[in-house]
């Protein structure tokens, strides 16, 4: 924005932790904090934020409760044959919800 681009959207995609079950830890609490401190829209990405198929819907609902501006999610038709994000829990070992 300091360079003149005001088309900025923030995206909550999770934070790196020592948890080995999920790719990232979705920081739902960050959404209302950012919305309070900033005028920028906040998009939640629960598919990247968790890396687990069966966690996307519950975390999307949590993001709705946290008043996100929008949700984004990655859908892979055949996760076992995906060419991107391999290997990771989302495509490699997670079970369908």
PDB file of N, CA and C in Angstrom:
ATOM      1  N   UNK A   1       0.829  -1.183   0.000  1.00  0.00           N
ATOM      2  CA  UNK A   1       0.000   0.000   0.000  1.00  0.00           C
ATOM      3  C   UNK A   1       0.876   1.249   0.000  1.00  0.00           C
ATOM      4  N   UNK A   2       2.062   1.153   0.609  1.00  0.00           N
ATOM      5  CA  UNK A   2       2.957   2.320   0.625  1.00  0.00           C
ATOM      6  C   UNK A   2       3.441   2.655  -0.778  1.00  0.00           C
ATOM      7  N   UNK A   3       3.371   1.685  -1.698  1.00  0.00           N
ATOM      8  CA  UNK A   3       3.756   1.919  -3.080  1.00  0.00           C
ATOM      9  C   UNK A   3       2.605   2.332  -3.961  1.00  0.00           C
ATOM     10  N   UNK A   4       1.412   2.491  -3.390  1.00  0.00           N
ATOM     11  CA  UNK A   4       0.275   2.964  -4.156  1.00  0.00           C
ATOM     12  C   UNK A   4      -0.762   1.908  -4.515  1.00  0.00           C
ATOM     13  N   UNK A   5      -0.518   0.649  -4.207  1.00  0.00           N
ATOM     14  CA  UNK A   5      -1.493  -0.406  -4.497  1.00  0.00           C
ATOM     15  C   UNK A   5      -2.417  -0.570  -3.283  1.00  0.00           C
ATOM     16  N   UNK A   6      -3.663  -0.170  -3.446  1.00  0.00           N
ATOM     17  CA  UNK A   6      -4.619  -0.264  -2.343  1.00  0.00           C
ATOM     18  C   UNK A   6      -5.542  -1.473  -2.488  1.00  0.00           C
ATOM     19  N   UNK A   7      -5.285  -2.320  -3.471  1.00  0.00           N
ATOM     20  CA  UNK A   7      -6.059  -3.549  -3.672  1.00  0.00           C
ATOM     21  C   UNK A   7      -5.421  -4.675  -2.878  1.00  0.00           C
ATOM     22  N   UNK A   8      -5.526  -4.606  -1.559  1.00  0.00           N
ATOM     23  CA  UNK A   8      -4.873  -5.552  -0.665  1.00  0.00           C
ATOM     24  C   UNK A   8      -5.934  -6.356   0.082  1.00  0.00           C
ATOM     25  N   UNK A   9      -5.747  -7.656   0.103  1.00  0.00           N
ATOM     26  CA  UNK A   9      -6.614  -8.572   0.858  1.00  0.00           C
ATOM     27  C   UNK A   9      -5.707  -9.425   1.728  1.00  0.00           C
ATOM     28  N   UNK A  10      -6.053  -9.565   2.992  1.00  0.00           N
ATOM     29  CA  UNK A  10      -5.291 -10.427   3.883  1.00  0.00           C
ATOM     30  C   UNK A  10      -5.900 -11.824   3.872  1.00  0.00           C
ATOM     31  N   UNK A  11      -5.061 -12.837   4.007  1.00  0.00           N
ATOM     32  CA  UNK A  11      -5.549 -14.214   3.975  1.00  0.00           C
ATOM     33  C   UNK A  11      -4.998 -14.987   5.162  1.00  0.00           C
ATOM     34  N   UNK A  12      -5.888 -15.520   5.980  1.00  0.00           N
ATOM     35  CA  UNK A  12      -5.494 -16.375   7.104  1.00  0.00           C
ATOM     36  C   UNK A  12      -5.357 -17.796   6.575  1.00  0.00           C
ATOM     37  N   UNK A  13      -4.125 -18.292   6.523  1.00  0.00           N
ATOM     38  CA  UNK A  13      -3.847 -19.630   6.000  1.00  0.00           C
ATOM     39  C   UNK A  13      -3.203 -20.515   7.056  1.00  0.00           C
ATOM     40  N   UNK A  14      -3.216 -20.068   8.297  1.00  0.00           N
ATOM     41  CA  UNK A  14      -2.652 -20.861   9.368  1.00  0.00           C
ATOM     42  C   UNK A  14      -1.236 -20.435   9.713  1.00  0.00           C
ATOM     43  N   UNK A  15      -0.805 -20.878  10.876  1.00  0.00           N
ATOM     44  CA  UNK A  15       0.543 -20.585  11.345  1.00  0.00           C
ATOM     45  C   UNK A  15       1.295 -21.896  11.528  1.00  0.00           C
ATOM     46  N   UNK A  16       2.600 -21.862  11.360  1.00  0.00           N
ATOM     47  CA  UNK A  16       3.424 -23.052  11.529  1.00  0.00           C
ATOM     48  C   UNK A  16       3.606 -23.312  13.014  1.00  0.00           C
ATOM     49  N   UNK A  17       3.385 -24.562  13.432  1.00  0.00           N
ATOM     50  CA  UNK A  17       3.579 -24.955  14.826  1.00  0.00           C
ATOM     51  C   UNK A  17       4.322 -26.286  14.850  1.00  0.00           C
ATOM     52  N   UNK A  18       4.475 -26.839  16.017  1.00  0.00           N
ATOM     53  CA  UNK A  18       5.123 -28.141  16.160  1.00  0.00           C
ATOM     54  C   UNK A  18       4.133 -29.292  15.992  1.00  0.00           C
ATOM     55  N   UNK A  19       2.885 -28.968  15.783  1.00  0.00           N
ATOM     56  CA  UNK A  19       1.862 -29.987  15.562  1.00  0.00           C
ATOM     57  C   UNK A  19       2.188 -30.760  14.288  1.00  0.00           C
ATOM     58  N   UNK A  20       2.181 -32.072  14.364  1.00  0.00           N
ATOM     59  CA  UNK A  20       2.483 -32.880  13.179  1.00  0.00           C
ATOM     60  C   UNK A  20       1.224 -33.451  12.537  1.00  0.00           C
ATOM     61  N   UNK A  21       0.067 -33.256  13.176  1.00  0.00           N
ATOM     62  CA  UNK A  21      -1.181 -33.794  12.629  1.00  0.00           C
ATOM     63  C   UNK A  21      -1.703 -32.960  11.475  1.00  0.00           C
ATOM     64  N   UNK A  22      -1.598 -31.643  11.611  1.00  0.00           N
ATOM     65  CA  UNK A  22      -2.099 -30.745  10.571  1.00  0.00           C
ATOM     66  C   UNK A  22      -0.936 -29.988   9.936  1.00  0.00           C
ATOM     67  N   UNK A  23      -1.140 -29.547   8.698  1.00  0.00           N
ATOM     68  CA  UNK A  23      -0.118 -28.780   7.985  1.00  0.00           C
ATOM     69  C   UNK A  23       0.191 -27.494   8.731  1.00  0.00           C
ATOM     70  N   UNK A  24      -0.837 -26.740   9.064  1.00  0.00           N
ATOM     71  CA  UNK A  24      -0.720 -25.492   9.819  1.00  0.00           C
ATOM     72  C   UNK A  24      -1.787 -25.485  10.895  1.00  0.00           C
ATOM     73  N   UNK A  25      -1.698 -24.523  11.796  1.00  0.00           N
ATOM     74  CA  UNK A  25      -2.740 -24.321  12.800  1.00  0.00           C
ATOM     75  C   UNK A  25      -3.514 -23.076  12.400  1.00  0.00           C
ATOM     76  N   UNK A  26      -4.791 -23.235  12.125  1.00  0.00           N
ATOM     77  CA  UNK A  26      -5.631 -22.123  11.688  1.00  0.00           C
ATOM     78  C   UNK A  26      -5.844 -21.164  12.855  1.00  0.00           C
ATOM     79  N   UNK A  27      -5.407 -19.931  12.714  1.00  0.00           N
ATOM     80  CA  UNK A  27      -5.505 -18.934  13.779  1.00  0.00           C
ATOM     81  C   UNK A  27      -6.786 -18.122  13.618  1.00  0.00           C
ATOM     82  N   UNK A  28      -7.889 -18.728  14.033  1.00  0.00           N
ATOM     83  CA  UNK A  28      -9.209 -18.090  13.910  1.00  0.00           C
ATOM     84  C   UNK A  28      -9.264 -16.786  14.698  1.00  0.00           C
ATOM     85  N   UNK A  29      -8.597 -16.732  15.851  1.00  0.00           N
ATOM     86  CA  UNK A  29      -8.630 -15.527  16.685  1.00  0.00           C
ATOM     87  C   UNK A  29      -8.012 -14.327  15.983  1.00  0.00           C
ATOM     88  N   UNK A  30      -7.140 -14.565  15.033  1.00  0.00           N
ATOM     89  CA  UNK A  30      -6.501 -13.456  14.312  1.00  0.00           C
ATOM     90  C   UNK A  30      -7.500 -12.691  13.453  1.00  0.00           C
ATOM     91  N   UNK A  31      -8.548 -13.356  12.987  1.00  0.00           N
ATOM     92  CA  UNK A  31      -9.486 -12.714  12.065  1.00  0.00           C
ATOM     93  C   UNK A  31     -10.196 -11.514  12.700  1.00  0.00           C
ATOM     94  N   UNK A  32     -10.863 -11.663  13.850  1.00  0.00           N
ATOM     95  CA  UNK A  32     -11.514 -10.478  14.423  1.00  0.00           C
ATOM     96  C   UNK A  32     -10.519  -9.420  14.899  1.00  0.00           C
ATOM     97  N   UNK A  33      -9.322  -9.854  15.312  1.00  0.00           N
ATOM     98  CA  UNK A  33      -8.313  -8.884  15.737  1.00  0.00           C
ATOM     99  C   UNK A  33      -7.887  -8.021  14.550  1.00  0.00           C
ATOM    100  N   UNK A  34      -7.597  -8.670  13.421  1.00  0.00           N
ATOM    101  CA  UNK A  34      -7.186  -7.924  12.229  1.00  0.00           C
ATOM    102  C   UNK A  34      -8.305  -7.008  11.749  1.00  0.00           C
ATOM    103  N   UNK A  35      -9.543  -7.507  11.788  1.00  0.00           N
ATOM    104  CA  UNK A  35     -10.676  -6.681  11.340  1.00  0.00           C
ATOM    105  C   UNK A  35     -10.860  -5.469  12.253  1.00  0.00           C
ATOM    106  N   UNK A  36     -10.526  -5.614  13.529  1.00  0.00           N
ATOM    107  CA  UNK A  36     -10.635  -4.490  14.461  1.00  0.00           C
ATOM    108  C   UNK A  36      -9.513  -3.466  14.231  1.00  0.00           C
ATOM    109  N   UNK A  37      -8.327  -3.955  13.909  1.00  0.00           N
ATOM    110  CA  UNK A  37      -7.167  -3.078  13.771  1.00  0.00           C
ATOM    111  C   UNK A  37      -6.968  -2.529  12.355  1.00  0.00           C
ATOM    112  N   UNK A  38      -7.669  -3.098  11.375  1.00  0.00           N
ATOM    113  CA  UNK A  38      -7.432  -2.738   9.989  1.00  0.00           C
ATOM    114  C   UNK A  38      -8.742  -2.592   9.228  1.00  0.00           C
ATOM    115  N   UNK A  39      -8.692  -1.867   8.133  1.00  0.00           N
ATOM    116  CA  UNK A  39      -9.849  -1.737   7.248  1.00  0.00           C
ATOM    117  C   UNK A  39      -9.823  -2.794   6.143  1.00  0.00           C
ATOM    118  N   UNK A  40      -8.766  -3.586   6.081  1.00  0.00           N
ATOM    119  CA  UNK A  40      -8.583  -4.540   4.982  1.00  0.00           C
ATOM    120  C   UNK A  40      -9.488  -5.757   5.124  1.00  0.00           C
ATOM    121  N   UNK A  41      -9.967  -6.301   4.014  1.00  0.00           N
ATOM    122  CA  UNK A  41     -10.757  -7.528   4.061  1.00  0.00           C
ATOM    123  C   UNK A  41      -9.879  -8.724   4.432  1.00  0.00           C
ATOM    124  N   UNK A  42     -10.473  -9.691   5.129  1.00  0.00           N
ATOM    125  CA  UNK A  42      -9.755 -10.887   5.564  1.00  0.00           C
ATOM    126  C   UNK A  42     -10.435 -12.121   4.977  1.00  0.00           C
ATOM    127  N   UNK A  43      -9.673 -12.900   4.235  1.00  0.00           N
ATOM    128  CA  UNK A  43     -10.160 -14.153   3.655  1.00  0.00           C
ATOM    129  C   UNK A  43      -9.570 -15.299   4.468  1.00  0.00           C
ATOM    130  N   UNK A  44     -10.368 -16.299   4.769  1.00  0.00           N
ATOM    131  CA  UNK A  44      -9.885 -17.491   5.480  1.00  0.00           C
ATOM    132  C   UNK A  44      -9.719 -18.629   4.476  1.00  0.00           C
ATOM    133  N   UNK A  45      -8.625 -19.368   4.598  1.00  0.00           N
ATOM    134  CA  UNK A  45      -8.355 -20.510   3.723  1.00  0.00           C
ATOM    135  C   UNK A  45      -8.174 -21.760   4.585  1.00  0.00           C
ATOM    136  N   UNK A  46      -9.296 -22.406   4.962  1.00  0.00           N
ATOM    137  CA  UNK A  46      -9.189 -23.560   5.854  1.00  0.00           C
ATOM    138  C   UNK A  46      -8.554 -24.790   5.226  1.00  0.00           C
ATOM    139  N   UNK A  47      -8.560 -24.910   3.902  1.00  0.00           N
ATOM    140  CA  UNK A  47      -7.929 -26.087   3.296  1.00  0.00           C
ATOM    141  C   UNK A  47      -6.411 -26.011   3.465  1.00  0.00           C
ATOM    142  N   UNK A  48      -5.837 -24.854   3.280  1.00  0.00           N
ATOM    143  CA  UNK A  48      -4.401 -24.697   3.493  1.00  0.00           C
ATOM    144  C   UNK A  48      -4.099 -24.584   4.989  1.00  0.00           C
ATOM    145  N   UNK A  49      -4.990 -23.939   5.706  1.00  0.00           N
ATOM    146  CA  UNK A  49      -4.774 -23.702   7.133  1.00  0.00           C
ATOM    147  C   UNK A  49      -4.767 -24.952   7.985  1.00  0.00           C
ATOM    148  N   UNK A  50      -5.380 -26.019   7.498  1.00  0.00           N
ATOM    149  CA  UNK A  50      -5.389 -27.267   8.266  1.00  0.00           C
ATOM    150  C   UNK A  50      -4.698 -28.410   7.536  1.00  0.00           C
ATOM    151  N   UNK A  51      -4.843 -28.457   6.222  1.00  0.00           N
ATOM    152  CA  UNK A  51      -4.259 -29.550   5.456  1.00  0.00           C
ATOM    153  C   UNK A  51      -5.003 -30.863   5.606  1.00  0.00           C
ATOM    154  N   UNK A  52      -6.205 -30.823   6.118  1.00  0.00           N
ATOM    155  CA  UNK A  52      -7.009 -32.037   6.338  1.00  0.00           C
ATOM    156  C   UNK A  52      -8.404 -31.834   5.765  1.00  0.00           C
ATOM    157  N   UNK A  53      -8.821 -32.754   4.909  1.00  0.00           N
ATOM    158  CA  UNK A  53     -10.152 -32.629   4.285  1.00  0.00           C
ATOM    159  C   UNK A  53     -11.272 -32.543   5.305  1.00  0.00           C
ATOM    160  N   UNK A  54     -11.206 -33.370   6.334  1.00  0.00           N
ATOM    161  CA  UNK A  54     -12.305 -33.419   7.297  1.00  0.00           C
ATOM    162  C   UNK A  54     -12.312 -32.232   8.260  1.00  0.00           C
ATOM    163  N   UNK A  55     -11.341 -31.342   8.149  1.00  0.00           N
ATOM    164  CA  UNK A  55     -11.303 -30.147   9.011  1.00  0.00           C
ATOM    165  C   UNK A  55     -11.711 -28.880   8.261  1.00  0.00           C
ATOM    166  N   UNK A  56     -11.853 -28.957   6.943  1.00  0.00           N
ATOM    167  CA  UNK A  56     -12.144 -27.751   6.155  1.00  0.00           C
ATOM    168  C   UNK A  56     -13.503 -27.160   6.514  1.00  0.00           C
ATOM    169  N   UNK A  57     -14.553 -27.963   6.510  1.00  0.00           N
ATOM    170  CA  UNK A  57     -15.899 -27.440   6.795  1.00  0.00           C
ATOM    171  C   UNK A  57     -16.010 -26.867   8.207  1.00  0.00           C
ATOM    172  N   UNK A  58     -15.558 -27.568   9.263  1.00  0.00           N
ATOM    173  CA  UNK A  58     -15.658 -26.969  10.597  1.00  0.00           C
ATOM    174  C   UNK A  58     -14.863 -25.677  10.743  1.00  0.00           C
ATOM    175  N   UNK A  59     -13.683 -25.615  10.122  1.00  0.00           N
ATOM    176  CA  UNK A  59     -12.886 -24.399  10.236  1.00  0.00           C
ATOM    177  C   UNK A  59     -13.472 -23.266   9.390  1.00  0.00           C
ATOM    178  N   UNK A  60     -14.135 -23.609   8.286  1.00  0.00           N
ATOM    179  CA  UNK A  60     -14.823 -22.578   7.500  1.00  0.00           C
ATOM    180  C   UNK A  60     -15.968 -21.991   8.317  1.00  0.00           C
ATOM    181  N   UNK A  61     -16.693 -22.832   9.025  1.00  0.00           N
ATOM    182  CA  UNK A  61     -17.765 -22.332   9.896  1.00  0.00           C
ATOM    183  C   UNK A  61     -17.204 -21.467  11.018  1.00  0.00           C
ATOM    184  N   UNK A  62     -16.072 -21.865  11.570  1.00  0.00           N
ATOM    185  CA  UNK A  62     -15.437 -21.057  12.612  1.00  0.00           C
ATOM    186  C   UNK A  62     -15.016 -19.699  12.043  1.00  0.00           C
ATOM    187  N   UNK A  63     -14.535 -19.691  10.801  1.00  0.00           N
ATOM    188  CA  UNK A  63     -14.145 -18.432  10.159  1.00  0.00           C
ATOM    189  C   UNK A  63     -15.363 -17.536   9.929  1.00  0.00           C
ATOM    190  N   UNK A  64     -16.492 -18.150   9.592  1.00  0.00           N
ATOM    191  CA  UNK A  64     -17.737 -17.381   9.441  1.00  0.00           C
ATOM    192  C   UNK A  64     -18.103 -16.737  10.778  1.00  0.00           C
ATOM    193  N   UNK A  65     -18.003 -17.502  11.859  1.00  0.00           N
ATOM    194  CA  UNK A  65     -18.313 -16.966  13.185  1.00  0.00           C
ATOM    195  C   UNK A  65     -17.343 -15.855  13.570  1.00  0.00           C
ATOM    196  N   UNK A  66     -16.114 -15.929  13.059  1.00  0.00           N
ATOM    197  CA  UNK A  66     -15.107 -14.906  13.358  1.00  0.00           C
ATOM    198  C   UNK A  66     -15.235 -13.687  12.443  1.00  0.00           C
ATOM    199  N   UNK A  67     -16.263 -13.673  11.609  1.00  0.00           N
ATOM    200  CA  UNK A  67     -16.610 -12.544  10.739  1.00  0.00           C
ATOM    201  C   UNK A  67     -15.578 -12.296   9.645  1.00  0.00           C
ATOM    202  N   UNK A  68     -15.081 -13.378   9.028  1.00  0.00           N
ATOM    203  CA  UNK A  68     -14.191 -13.229   7.879  1.00  0.00           C
ATOM    204  C   UNK A  68     -14.944 -12.556   6.755  1.00  0.00           C
ATOM    205  N   UNK A  69     -14.241 -11.956   5.825  1.00  0.00           N
ATOM    206  CA  UNK A  69     -14.864 -11.313   4.671  1.00  0.00           C
ATOM    207  C   UNK A  69     -15.277 -12.364   3.641  1.00  0.00           C
ATOM    208  N   UNK A  70     -14.444 -13.388   3.474  1.00  0.00           N
ATOM    209  CA  UNK A  70     -14.716 -14.453   2.510  1.00  0.00           C
ATOM    210  C   UNK A  70     -13.937 -15.701   2.901  1.00  0.00           C
ATOM    211  N   UNK A  71     -14.264 -16.815   2.282  1.00  0.00           N
ATOM    212  CA  UNK A  71     -13.524 -18.061   2.467  1.00  0.00           C
ATOM    213  C   UNK A  71     -13.006 -18.526   1.119  1.00  0.00           C
ATOM    214  N   UNK A  72     -11.835 -19.094   1.144  1.00  0.00           N
ATOM    215  CA  UNK A  72     -11.224 -19.670  -0.045  1.00  0.00           C
ATOM    216  C   UNK A  72     -10.832 -21.093   0.306  1.00  0.00           C
ATOM    217  N   UNK A  73     -10.954 -21.993  -0.647  1.00  0.00           N
ATOM    218  CA  UNK A  73     -10.575 -23.371  -0.371  1.00  0.00           C
ATOM    219  C   UNK A  73     -10.030 -24.014  -1.633  1.00  0.00           C
ATOM    220  N   UNK A  74      -9.092 -24.898  -1.445  1.00  0.00           N
ATOM    221  CA  UNK A  74      -8.490 -25.618  -2.556  1.00  0.00           C
ATOM    222  C   UNK A  74      -9.187 -26.961  -2.696  1.00  0.00           C
ATOM    223  N   UNK A  75      -9.659 -27.250  -3.895  1.00  0.00           N
ATOM    224  CA  UNK A  75     -10.314 -28.529  -4.156  1.00  0.00           C
ATOM    225  C   UNK A  75      -9.491 -29.312  -5.156  1.00  0.00           C
ATOM    226  N   UNK A  76      -9.158 -30.533  -4.805  1.00  0.00           N
ATOM    227  CA  UNK A  76      -8.374 -31.398  -5.676  1.00  0.00           C
ATOM    228  C   UNK A  76      -9.243 -32.602  -6.020  1.00  0.00           C
ATOM    229  N   UNK A  77      -9.490 -32.790  -7.303  1.00  0.00           N
ATOM    230  CA  UNK A  77     -10.377 -33.866  -7.750  1.00  0.00           C
ATOM    231  C   UNK A  77      -9.859 -35.247  -7.351  1.00  0.00           C
ATOM    232  N   UNK A  78      -8.580 -35.483  -7.515  1.00  0.00           N
ATOM    233  CA  UNK A  78      -7.976 -36.781  -7.189  1.00  0.00           C
ATOM    234  C   UNK A  78      -6.732 -36.532  -6.333  1.00  0.00           C
ATOM    235  N   UNK A  79      -6.911 -36.351  -5.021  1.00  0.00           N
ATOM    236  CA  UNK A  79      -5.798 -35.962  -4.150  1.00  0.00           C
ATOM    237  C   UNK A  79      -4.615 -36.923  -4.177  1.00  0.00           C
ATOM    238  N   UNK A  80      -4.873 -38.202  -4.352  1.00  0.00           N
ATOM    239  CA  UNK A  80      -3.788 -39.171  -4.348  1.00  0.00           C
ATOM    240  C   UNK A  80      -2.871 -39.011  -5.562  1.00  0.00           C
ATOM    241  N   UNK A  81      -3.355 -38.371  -6.619  1.00  0.00           N
ATOM    242  CA  UNK A  81      -2.559 -38.154  -7.829  1.00  0.00           C
ATOM    243  C   UNK A  81      -2.207 -36.681  -8.037  1.00  0.00           C
ATOM    244  N   UNK A  82      -2.402 -35.857  -7.031  1.00  0.00           N
ATOM    245  CA  UNK A  82      -2.144 -34.421  -7.160  1.00  0.00           C
ATOM    246  C   UNK A  82      -0.681 -34.158  -7.471  1.00  0.00           C
ATOM    247  N   UNK A  83      -0.436 -33.191  -8.331  1.00  0.00           N
ATOM    248  CA  UNK A  83       0.927 -32.825  -8.695  1.00  0.00           C
ATOM    249  C   UNK A  83       1.479 -31.717  -7.812  1.00  0.00           C
ATOM    250  N   UNK A  84       0.610 -31.030  -7.085  1.00  0.00           N
ATOM    251  CA  UNK A  84       1.058 -29.987  -6.173  1.00  0.00           C
ATOM    252  C   UNK A  84       0.760 -30.399  -4.740  1.00  0.00           C
ATOM    253  N   UNK A  85       1.471 -29.794  -3.801  1.00  0.00           N
ATOM    254  CA  UNK A  85       1.276 -30.049  -2.367  1.00  0.00           C
ATOM    255  C   UNK A  85       1.501 -31.505  -2.002  1.00  0.00           C
ATOM    256  N   UNK A  86       2.436 -32.170  -2.640  1.00  0.00           N
ATOM    257  CA  UNK A  86       2.702 -33.578  -2.328  1.00  0.00           C
ATOM    258  C   UNK A  86       4.120 -33.685  -1.811  1.00  0.00           C
ATOM    259  N   UNK A  87       4.398 -34.437  -0.779  1.00  0.00           N
ATOM    260  CA  UNK A  87       3.412 -35.056   0.087  1.00  0.00           C
ATOM    261  C   UNK A  87       2.991 -34.096   1.195  1.00  0.00           C
ATOM    262  N   UNK A  88       1.757 -34.173   1.588  1.00  0.00           N
ATOM    263  CA  UNK A  88       1.264 -33.464   2.769  1.00  0.00           C
ATOM    264  C   UNK A  88       0.023 -34.176   3.268  1.00  0.00           C
ATOM    265  N   UNK A  89      -0.393 -33.904   4.486  1.00  0.00           N
ATOM    266  CA  UNK A  89      -1.539 -34.633   5.045  1.00  0.00           C
ATOM    267  C   UNK A  89      -2.827 -34.448   4.261  1.00  0.00           C
ATOM    268  N   UNK A  90      -2.994 -33.274   3.615  1.00  0.00           N
ATOM    269  CA  UNK A  90      -4.226 -33.009   2.902  1.00  0.00           C
ATOM    270  C   UNK A  90      -4.374 -33.938   1.711  1.00  0.00           C
ATOM    271  N   UNK A  91      -3.297 -34.146   0.972  1.00  0.00           N
ATOM    272  CA  UNK A  91      -3.383 -34.964  -0.234  1.00  0.00           C
ATOM    273  C   UNK A  91      -2.940 -36.392  -0.003  1.00  0.00           C
ATOM    274  N   UNK A  92      -2.119 -36.643   0.993  1.00  0.00           N
ATOM    275  CA  UNK A  92      -1.508 -37.958   1.114  1.00  0.00           C
ATOM    276  C   UNK A  92      -2.238 -38.914   2.061  1.00  0.00           C
ATOM    277  N   UNK A  93      -2.602 -38.458   3.256  1.00  0.00           N
ATOM    278  CA  UNK A  93      -3.112 -39.419   4.220  1.00  0.00           C
ATOM    279  C   UNK A  93      -4.460 -39.067   4.834  1.00  0.00           C
ATOM    280  N   UNK A  94      -5.003 -37.929   4.497  1.00  0.00           N
ATOM    281  CA  UNK A  94      -6.284 -37.581   5.115  1.00  0.00           C
ATOM    282  C   UNK A  94      -7.413 -38.406   4.506  1.00  0.00           C
ATOM    283  N   UNK A  95      -8.411 -38.641   5.320  1.00  0.00           N
ATOM    284  CA  UNK A  95      -9.548 -39.422   4.858  1.00  0.00           C
ATOM    285  C   UNK A  95     -10.698 -38.497   4.477  1.00  0.00           C
ATOM    286  N   UNK A  96     -11.565 -38.912   3.570  1.00  0.00           N
ATOM    287  CA  UNK A  96     -12.693 -38.068   3.178  1.00  0.00           C
ATOM    288  C   UNK A  96     -13.589 -37.765   4.376  1.00  0.00           C
ATOM    289  N   UNK A  97     -14.163 -36.575   4.358  1.00  0.00           N
ATOM    290  CA  UNK A  97     -15.085 -36.225   5.449  1.00  0.00           C
ATOM    291  C   UNK A  97     -16.453 -36.804   5.235  1.00  0.00           C
TER     292      UNK A  97
END
